[in-house]
Amino acid sequence: MNFFAEYIREVRKSLEKGDSTEHTHRTALEALLEACDKEIDATNEPRRIACGAPDFNITRRGVPVGPLVCRGRETFDRSGGRP
């Protein structure tokens, strides 16, 4: 199955329950990131780093790619911008 289609399916399934938060979707996001490239490792809730406390730390072949911060859909208004 297409990695992105699987991610969307998992997120929609969680949203249908009506009690999801940004943390609920992290498992699906981790699976998507790691499925896109088998050399990628996405660490959920890594220790604090110089830029703060990211939700994920992304590495590829052990080399840091960068931090990733997740936001729930309620963080964005209908136009797609931040409130």
Protein backbone atom coordinates (compact mmCIF):
# COMPACT_ATOMS: atom_id res chain seq x y z
CA MET A 1 0.00 0.00 0.00
CA ASN A 2 1.06 3.57 -0.59
CA PHE A 3 2.77 4.89 2.58
CA PHE A 4 0.88 8.17 2.51
CA ALA A 5 -2.49 6.48 1.96
CA GLU A 6 -1.79 4.23 4.95
CA TYR A 7 -0.88 7.27 7.07
CA ILE A 8 -4.09 9.08 6.10
CA ARG A 9 -6.13 5.95 6.78
CA GLU A 10 -4.66 5.62 10.28
CA VAL A 11 -5.17 9.30 11.10
CA ARG A 12 -8.77 9.24 9.87
CA LYS A 13 -9.44 6.12 11.91
CA SER A 14 -8.15 7.88 15.02
CA LEU A 15 -10.12 11.06 14.29
CA GLU A 16 -13.36 9.13 13.87
CA LYS A 17 -13.15 8.09 17.52
CA GLY A 18 -13.50 11.74 18.48
CA ASP A 19 -11.03 11.77 21.36
CA SER A 20 -7.66 12.00 19.60
CA THR A 21 -4.91 14.48 20.35
CA GLU A 22 -1.70 15.34 18.52
CA HIS A 23 -0.04 12.50 20.45
CA THR A 24 -2.53 9.96 19.07
CA HIS A 25 -1.21 10.33 15.52
CA ARG A 26 2.47 10.04 16.30
CA THR A 27 2.58 6.28 15.79
CA ALA A 28 1.22 6.71 12.27
CA LEU A 29 3.66 9.54 11.55
CA GLU A 30 6.61 7.52 12.83
CA ALA A 31 5.59 4.62 10.57
CA LEU A 32 5.26 6.96 7.58
CA LEU A 33 8.66 8.57 8.12
CA GLU A 34 10.44 5.25 8.53
CA ALA A 35 8.58 3.64 5.59
CA CYS A 36 9.69 6.41 3.21
CA ASP A 37 13.33 5.46 3.67
CA LYS A 38 14.49 2.36 5.51
CA GLU A 39 17.60 4.26 6.67
CA ILE A 40 15.51 6.83 8.55
CA ASP A 41 15.02 6.49 12.29
CA ALA A 42 12.33 8.64 13.90
CA THR A 43 12.70 8.80 17.68
CA ASN A 44 9.46 9.80 19.41
CA GLU A 45 9.91 12.04 22.49
CA PRO A 46 13.71 12.32 22.39
CA ARG A 47 15.55 14.10 25.19
CA ARG A 48 15.74 17.89 25.07
CA ILE A 49 18.19 19.41 22.62
CA ALA A 50 19.53 22.93 22.04
CA CYS A 51 16.39 24.03 20.18
CA GLY A 52 14.01 22.68 22.85
CA ALA A 53 11.97 19.52 23.20
CA PRO A 54 10.99 18.21 19.76
CA ASP A 55 8.34 15.54 19.34
CA PHE A 56 10.63 13.54 17.05
CA ASN A 57 14.32 13.49 16.30
CA ILE A 58 14.99 12.30 12.75
CA THR A 59 18.26 10.61 11.82
CA ARG A 60 19.40 8.85 8.66
CA ARG A 61 22.18 6.31 8.94
CA GLY A 62 22.85 7.72 12.41
CA VAL A 63 23.35 11.27 11.09
CA PRO A 64 20.95 13.88 12.49
CA VAL A 65 18.50 15.20 9.90
CA GLY A 66 16.59 17.42 12.29
CA PRO A 67 13.89 17.75 14.92
CA LEU A 68 10.17 17.55 14.13
CA VAL A 69 7.33 19.12 16.11
CA CYS A 70 3.76 17.85 15.74
CA ARG A 71 0.65 19.97 16.06
CA GLY A 72 -2.97 18.94 16.36
CA ARG A 73 -5.36 20.03 13.67
CA GLU A 74 -7.00 22.45 16.10
CA THR A 75 -3.74 24.46 16.04
CA PHE A 76 -4.56 25.71 12.53
CA ASP A 77 -7.49 27.80 11.42
CA ARG A 78 -9.54 26.98 8.31
CA SER A 79 -7.31 29.00 5.99
CA GLY A 80 -4.35 26.81 6.95
CA GLY A 81 -2.53 29.48 8.94
CA ARG A 82 -1.67 29.63 12.61
CA PRO A 83 -4.31 31.32 14.80
